[in-house]
C-alpha atoms as a PDB file:
ATOM      1  CA  UNK A   1      15.993 -42.361  -0.890  1.00  0.00           C
ATOM      2  CA  UNK A   2      13.489 -40.224   0.666  1.00  0.00           C
ATOM      3  CA  UNK A   3      14.670 -37.163   2.530  1.00  0.00           C
ATOM      4  CA  UNK A   4      12.855 -36.058   5.523  1.00  0.00           C
ATOM      5  CA  UNK A   5      12.070 -32.410   6.417  1.00  0.00           C
ATOM      6  CA  UNK A   6      12.612 -31.253  10.055  1.00  0.00           C
ATOM      7  CA  UNK A   7       9.685 -29.303  11.223  1.00  0.00           C
ATOM      8  CA  UNK A   8       9.803 -26.862  13.467  1.00  0.00           C
ATOM      9  CA  UNK A   9       6.731 -25.632  16.201  1.00  0.00           C
ATOM     10  CA  UNK A  10       5.818 -22.191  16.917  1.00  0.00           C
ATOM     11  CA  UNK A  11       6.760 -23.044  20.709  1.00  0.00           C
ATOM     12  CA  UNK A  12      10.236 -24.431  19.279  1.00  0.00           C
ATOM     13  CA  UNK A  13      10.748 -20.834  17.674  1.00  0.00           C
ATOM     14  CA  UNK A  14      10.285 -19.043  20.526  1.00  0.00           C
ATOM     15  CA  UNK A  15      12.891 -20.677  22.414  1.00  0.00           C
ATOM     16  CA  UNK A  16      15.357 -20.684  19.580  1.00  0.00           C
ATOM     17  CA  UNK A  17      18.781 -18.816  20.746  1.00  0.00           C
ATOM     18  CA  UNK A  18      18.710 -15.084  19.483  1.00  0.00           C
ATOM     19  CA  UNK A  19      21.195 -15.207  15.941  1.00  0.00           C
ATOM     20  CA  UNK A  20      20.079 -11.408  15.070  1.00  0.00           C
ATOM     21  CA  UNK A  21      17.834 -12.684  12.150  1.00  0.00           C
ATOM     22  CA  UNK A  22      13.823 -12.765  11.757  1.00  0.00           C
ATOM     23  CA  UNK A  23      11.999 -15.708  10.913  1.00  0.00           C
ATOM     24  CA  UNK A  24       8.568 -16.940   9.925  1.00  0.00           C
ATOM     25  CA  UNK A  25       7.119 -20.595  10.181  1.00  0.00           C
ATOM     26  CA  UNK A  26       5.333 -21.446   7.166  1.00  0.00           C
ATOM     27  CA  UNK A  27       3.894 -25.153   7.576  1.00  0.00           C
ATOM     28  CA  UNK A  28       6.740 -26.132  10.270  1.00  0.00           C
ATOM     29  CA  UNK A  29       9.385 -24.618   7.900  1.00  0.00           C
ATOM     30  CA  UNK A  30      11.688 -21.826   8.923  1.00  0.00           C
ATOM     31  CA  UNK A  31      11.847 -18.867   6.494  1.00  0.00           C
ATOM     32  CA  UNK A  32      14.264 -16.122   7.205  1.00  0.00           C
ATOM     33  CA  UNK A  33      13.197 -12.570   6.673  1.00  0.00           C
ATOM     34  CA  UNK A  34      16.061 -10.228   5.818  1.00  0.00           C
ATOM     35  CA  UNK A  35      16.283  -6.915   7.086  1.00  0.00           C
ATOM     36  CA  UNK A  36      14.105  -4.440   5.276  1.00  0.00           C
ATOM     37  CA  UNK A  37      15.697  -1.179   4.992  1.00  0.00           C
ATOM     38  CA  UNK A  38      15.425   2.585   5.934  1.00  0.00           C
ATOM     39  CA  UNK A  39      12.481   3.416   3.809  1.00  0.00           C
ATOM     40  CA  UNK A  40      10.500   0.411   4.685  1.00  0.00           C
ATOM     41  CA  UNK A  41      11.119   1.511   8.519  1.00  0.00           C
ATOM     42  CA  UNK A  42       9.659   4.772   7.885  1.00  0.00           C
ATOM     43  CA  UNK A  43       6.728   3.524   6.253  1.00  0.00           C
ATOM     44  CA  UNK A  44       6.107   1.245   8.638  1.00  0.00           C
ATOM     45  CA  UNK A  45       6.146   3.821  11.268  1.00  0.00           C
ATOM     46  CA  UNK A  46       3.889   6.151   9.362  1.00  0.00           C
ATOM     47  CA  UNK A  47       1.394   3.527   9.233  1.00  0.00           C
ATOM     48  CA  UNK A  48       1.677   2.491  12.742  1.00  0.00           C
ATOM     49  CA  UNK A  49       1.496   6.326  14.078  1.00  0.00           C
ATOM     50  CA  UNK A  50      -1.659   6.898  12.053  1.00  0.00           C
ATOM     51  CA  UNK A  51      -3.392   3.794  13.000  1.00  0.00           C
ATOM     52  CA  UNK A  52      -2.164   3.383  16.458  1.00  0.00           C
ATOM     53  CA  UNK A  53      -3.326   6.833  17.592  1.00  0.00           C
ATOM     54  CA  UNK A  54      -6.789   6.657  15.843  1.00  0.00           C
ATOM     55  CA  UNK A  55      -7.199   3.060  17.804  1.00  0.00           C
ATOM     56  CA  UNK A  56      -6.108   4.088  20.762  1.00  0.00           C
ATOM     57  CA  UNK A  57      -8.174   7.460  20.746  1.00  0.00           C
ATOM     58  CA  UNK A  58     -11.463   5.581  19.898  1.00  0.00           C
ATOM     59  CA  UNK A  59     -10.464   2.693  22.148  1.00  0.00           C
ATOM     60  CA  UNK A  60     -10.902   0.076  19.028  1.00  0.00           C
ATOM     61  CA  UNK A  61      -8.422  -2.638  20.479  1.00  0.00           C
ATOM     62  CA  UNK A  62      -4.692  -2.869  20.248  1.00  0.00           C
ATOM     63  CA  UNK A  63      -2.023  -2.182  17.224  1.00  0.00           C
ATOM     64  CA  UNK A  64       1.018  -4.557  16.906  1.00  0.00           C
ATOM     65  CA  UNK A  65       4.219  -3.182  15.316  1.00  0.00           C
ATOM     66  CA  UNK A  66       6.643  -5.227  12.913  1.00  0.00           C
ATOM     67  CA  UNK A  67       7.496  -8.675  13.399  1.00  0.00           C
ATOM     68  CA  UNK A  68       4.903  -9.408  15.838  1.00  0.00           C
ATOM     69  CA  UNK A  69       3.995 -13.233  15.033  1.00  0.00           C
ATOM     70  CA  UNK A  70       0.601 -14.455  15.072  1.00  0.00           C
ATOM     71  CA  UNK A  71      -0.237 -18.442  14.644  1.00  0.00           C
ATOM     72  CA  UNK A  72      -2.282 -18.867  11.316  1.00  0.00           C
ATOM     73  CA  UNK A  73      -2.514 -22.473  11.514  1.00  0.00           C
ATOM     74  CA  UNK A  74      -1.447 -25.505  13.725  1.00  0.00           C
ATOM     75  CA  UNK A  75      -0.449 -29.019  13.146  1.00  0.00           C
ATOM     76  CA  UNK A  76       2.749 -27.907  10.881  1.00  0.00           C
ATOM     77  CA  UNK A  77       2.407 -24.481  12.590  1.00  0.00           C
ATOM     78  CA  UNK A  78       2.509 -21.519  10.473  1.00  0.00           C
ATOM     79  CA  UNK A  79       2.928 -18.093  11.999  1.00  0.00           C
ATOM     80  CA  UNK A  80       2.912 -14.897   9.767  1.00  0.00           C
ATOM     81  CA  UNK A  81       4.560 -11.399  11.186  1.00  0.00           C
ATOM     82  CA  UNK A  82       2.839  -8.689   9.375  1.00  0.00           C
ATOM     83  CA  UNK A  83       4.682  -5.291   9.393  1.00  0.00           C
ATOM     84  CA  UNK A  84       1.745  -3.986  11.552  1.00  0.00           C
ATOM     85  CA  UNK A  85      -1.544  -5.457  12.363  1.00  0.00           C
ATOM     86  CA  UNK A  86      -4.842  -4.655  14.373  1.00  0.00           C
ATOM     87  CA  UNK A  87      -6.882  -6.739  16.856  1.00  0.00           C
ATOM     88  CA  UNK A  88     -10.499  -5.462  18.079  1.00  0.00           C
ATOM     89  CA  UNK A  89     -10.659  -5.331  21.811  1.00  0.00           C
ATOM     90  CA  UNK A  90     -13.388  -8.176  22.120  1.00  0.00           C
ATOM     91  CA  UNK A  91     -10.791 -10.415  20.456  1.00  0.00           C
ATOM     92  CA  UNK A  92      -8.133  -9.627  23.178  1.00  0.00           C
ATOM     93  CA  UNK A  93      -8.021 -13.056  25.613  1.00  0.00           C
ATOM     94  CA  UNK A  94      -8.999 -12.548  28.979  1.00  0.00           C
ATOM     95  CA  UNK A  95      -5.673 -12.853  30.435  1.00  0.00           C
ATOM     96  CA  UNK A  96      -4.728  -9.971  28.362  1.00  0.00           C
ATOM     97  CA  UNK A  97      -1.877  -9.789  25.531  1.00  0.00           C
ATOM     98  CA  UNK A  98       0.250 -13.044  25.394  1.00  0.00           C
ATOM     99  CA  UNK A  99       3.742 -13.161  25.751  1.00  0.00           C
ATOM    100  CA  UNK A 100       4.294 -15.353  23.102  1.00  0.00           C
ATOM    101  CA  UNK A 101       2.834 -15.618  19.503  1.00  0.00           C
ATOM    102  CA  UNK A 102      -0.616 -14.020  19.083  1.00  0.00           C
ATOM    103  CA  UNK A 103      -3.209 -17.150  19.160  1.00  0.00           C
ATOM    104  CA  UNK A 104      -4.583 -16.236  15.601  1.00  0.00           C
ATOM    105  CA  UNK A 105      -4.933 -13.805  12.928  1.00  0.00           C
ATOM    106  CA  UNK A 106      -5.234 -10.144  13.372  1.00  0.00           C
ATOM    107  CA  UNK A 107      -8.331  -8.205  11.703  1.00  0.00           C
ATOM    108  CA  UNK A 108      -6.113  -5.964   9.981  1.00  0.00           C
ATOM    109  CA  UNK A 109      -2.623  -7.128   8.440  1.00  0.00           C
ATOM    110  CA  UNK A 110      -0.360  -4.444   6.663  1.00  0.00           C
ATOM    111  CA  UNK A 111       2.463  -5.600   4.476  1.00  0.00           C
ATOM    112  CA  UNK A 112       5.143  -3.007   3.351  1.00  0.00           C
ATOM    113  CA  UNK A 113       6.942  -4.429   0.501  1.00  0.00           C
ATOM    114  CA  UNK A 114      10.935  -4.697   1.163  1.00  0.00           C
ATOM    115  CA  UNK A 115      13.918  -4.697  -1.597  1.00  0.00           C
ATOM    116  CA  UNK A 116      14.305  -8.221  -0.682  1.00  0.00           C
ATOM    117  CA  UNK A 117      10.544  -9.583  -1.134  1.00  0.00           C
ATOM    118  CA  UNK A 118       9.229 -11.352  -4.175  1.00  0.00           C
ATOM    119  CA  UNK A 119       5.985 -11.146  -5.816  1.00  0.00           C
ATOM    120  CA  UNK A 120       5.247 -14.744  -4.908  1.00  0.00           C
ATOM    121  CA  UNK A 121       6.559 -14.553  -1.257  1.00  0.00           C
ATOM    122  CA  UNK A 122       3.700 -11.400  -0.654  1.00  0.00           C
ATOM    123  CA  UNK A 123       1.163 -13.386  -2.310  1.00  0.00           C
ATOM    124  CA  UNK A 124       1.670 -16.117  -0.129  1.00  0.00           C
ATOM    125  CA  UNK A 125       1.378 -14.104   2.764  1.00  0.00           C
ATOM    126  CA  UNK A 126      -1.759 -12.272   1.717  1.00  0.00           C
ATOM    127  CA  UNK A 127      -3.136 -15.917   0.969  1.00  0.00           C
ATOM    128  CA  UNK A 128      -2.361 -17.063   4.175  1.00  0.00           C
ATOM    129  CA  UNK A 129      -3.863 -14.261   6.379  1.00  0.00           C
ATOM    130  CA  UNK A 130      -6.988 -14.057   4.528  1.00  0.00           C
ATOM    131  CA  UNK A 131      -7.420 -18.021   4.817  1.00  0.00           C
ATOM    132  CA  UNK A 132      -7.174 -17.740   8.268  1.00  0.00           C
ATOM    133  CA  UNK A 133      -9.722 -15.091   8.478  1.00  0.00           C
ATOM    134  CA  UNK A 134      -8.028 -11.689   8.396  1.00  0.00           C
ATOM    135  CA  UNK A 135     -10.795  -9.258   7.478  1.00  0.00           C
ATOM    136  CA  UNK A 136      -8.375  -6.889   5.466  1.00  0.00           C
ATOM    137  CA  UNK A 137      -4.982  -6.917   4.435  1.00  0.00           C
ATOM    138  CA  UNK A 138      -3.160  -3.893   3.162  1.00  0.00           C
ATOM    139  CA  UNK A 139       0.006  -4.292   0.594  1.00  0.00           C
ATOM    140  CA  UNK A 140       2.011  -1.008   0.758  1.00  0.00           C
ATOM    141  CA  UNK A 141       4.331  -0.859  -2.453  1.00  0.00           C
ATOM    142  CA  UNK A 142       6.866   1.680  -2.145  1.00  0.00           C
ATOM    143  CA  UNK A 143       8.253   1.645  -5.470  1.00  0.00           C
ATOM    144  CA  UNK A 144       4.845   2.586  -7.157  1.00  0.00           C
ATOM    145  CA  UNK A 145       3.619   4.361  -4.318  1.00  0.00           C
ATOM    146  CA  UNK A 146       0.551   2.705  -4.321  1.00  0.00           C
ATOM    147  CA  UNK A 147      -1.337   0.132  -1.993  1.00  0.00           C
ATOM    148  CA  UNK A 148      -3.404  -2.946  -2.674  1.00  0.00           C
ATOM    149  CA  UNK A 149      -6.352  -3.442  -0.176  1.00  0.00           C
ATOM    150  CA  UNK A 150      -7.578  -6.849  -0.203  1.00  0.00           C
ATOM    151  CA  UNK A 151     -11.000  -7.777   1.817  1.00  0.00           C
ATOM    152  CA  UNK A 152     -10.975 -11.272   0.195  1.00  0.00           C
ATOM    153  CA  UNK A 153      -9.154 -13.154  -2.362  1.00  0.00           C
ATOM    154  CA  UNK A 154     -11.661 -11.456  -4.956  1.00  0.00           C
ATOM    155  CA  UNK A 155     -12.307  -8.019  -3.475  1.00  0.00           C
ATOM    156  CA  UNK A 156      -9.283  -6.177  -3.929  1.00  0.00           C
ATOM    157  CA  UNK A 157      -8.902  -2.570  -4.224  1.00  0.00           C
ATOM    158  CA  UNK A 158      -5.970  -0.441  -5.683  1.00  0.00           C
ATOM    159  CA  UNK A 159      -5.224   3.176  -3.976  1.00  0.00           C
ATOM    160  CA  UNK A 160      -3.084   5.759  -5.447  1.00  0.00           C
ATOM    161  CA  UNK A 161      -1.172   8.728  -3.468  1.00  0.00           C
ATOM    162  CA  UNK A 162      -4.211  10.635  -3.990  1.00  0.00           C
ATOM    163  CA  UNK A 163      -6.862   8.355  -3.034  1.00  0.00           C
ATOM    164  CA  UNK A 164      -7.849   7.548   0.667  1.00  0.00           C
ATOM    165  CA  UNK A 165      -7.579   4.205   2.654  1.00  0.00           C
ATOM    166  CA  UNK A 166     -10.656   3.650   4.614  1.00  0.00           C
ATOM    167  CA  UNK A 167     -10.520   1.343   7.731  1.00  0.00           C
ATOM    168  CA  UNK A 168     -14.455   0.551   6.409  1.00  0.00           C
ATOM    169  CA  UNK A 169     -15.902  -2.131   8.928  1.00  0.00           C
ATOM    170  CA  UNK A 170     -12.217  -3.345  10.094  1.00  0.00           C
ATOM    171  CA  UNK A 171     -11.188  -0.154  11.983  1.00  0.00           C
ATOM    172  CA  UNK A 172     -14.479   1.928  11.718  1.00  0.00           C
ATOM    173  CA  UNK A 173     -14.037   5.866  11.281  1.00  0.00           C
ATOM    174  CA  UNK A 174     -10.340   5.516  10.171  1.00  0.00           C
ATOM    175  CA  UNK A 175      -9.269   7.284   7.291  1.00  0.00           C
ATOM    176  CA  UNK A 176      -6.175   8.499   5.927  1.00  0.00           C
ATOM    177  CA  UNK A 177      -4.850  10.007   2.438  1.00  0.00           C
ATOM    178  CA  UNK A 178      -2.322   7.401   1.106  1.00  0.00           C
ATOM    179  CA  UNK A 179       0.632   9.978   0.015  1.00  0.00           C
ATOM    180  CA  UNK A 180       0.718  10.438   4.041  1.00  0.00           C
ATOM    181  CA  UNK A 181       2.206   6.909   4.641  1.00  0.00           C
ATOM    182  CA  UNK A 182       5.154   7.537   2.045  1.00  0.00           C
ATOM    183  CA  UNK A 183       8.636   8.891   2.771  1.00  0.00           C
END
């Protein structure tokens, strides 16, 4: 006896009725994302304020807020929603910012670990973003107050509160002390 798995497309996800929950799409499978909590929200805002102000002041591109989905793969759609994302100006479509999912991967994805996140879930998201072409993924760990900065699957930097996070060539000129991100 075989079981058939029902796959969902990105277009179908966009037209689903609101149920008060958030979802990501992984190879056509809906994955529920539980609410993250207060500490998570403050850290995401701190990251967004610092990055957003710098990007806007230097006309580098756009910063997307939490849960803005991007389509990383088609044919069994995969759509991931980082807590914060940056896309360079030259990658914005001629018609402007799409009303639906972002058509591709961000240049920078930020993931703040939530109380409900499992290690393998976070690792899977990082792998998906990198495999799709994201140039930098920053994973913020509120429990340890540390960051993991992935520039590839093998180029990974671990930063403590006394270190500086640099945008390097992805967000040229951006830098902040890691401690500024935390509550």
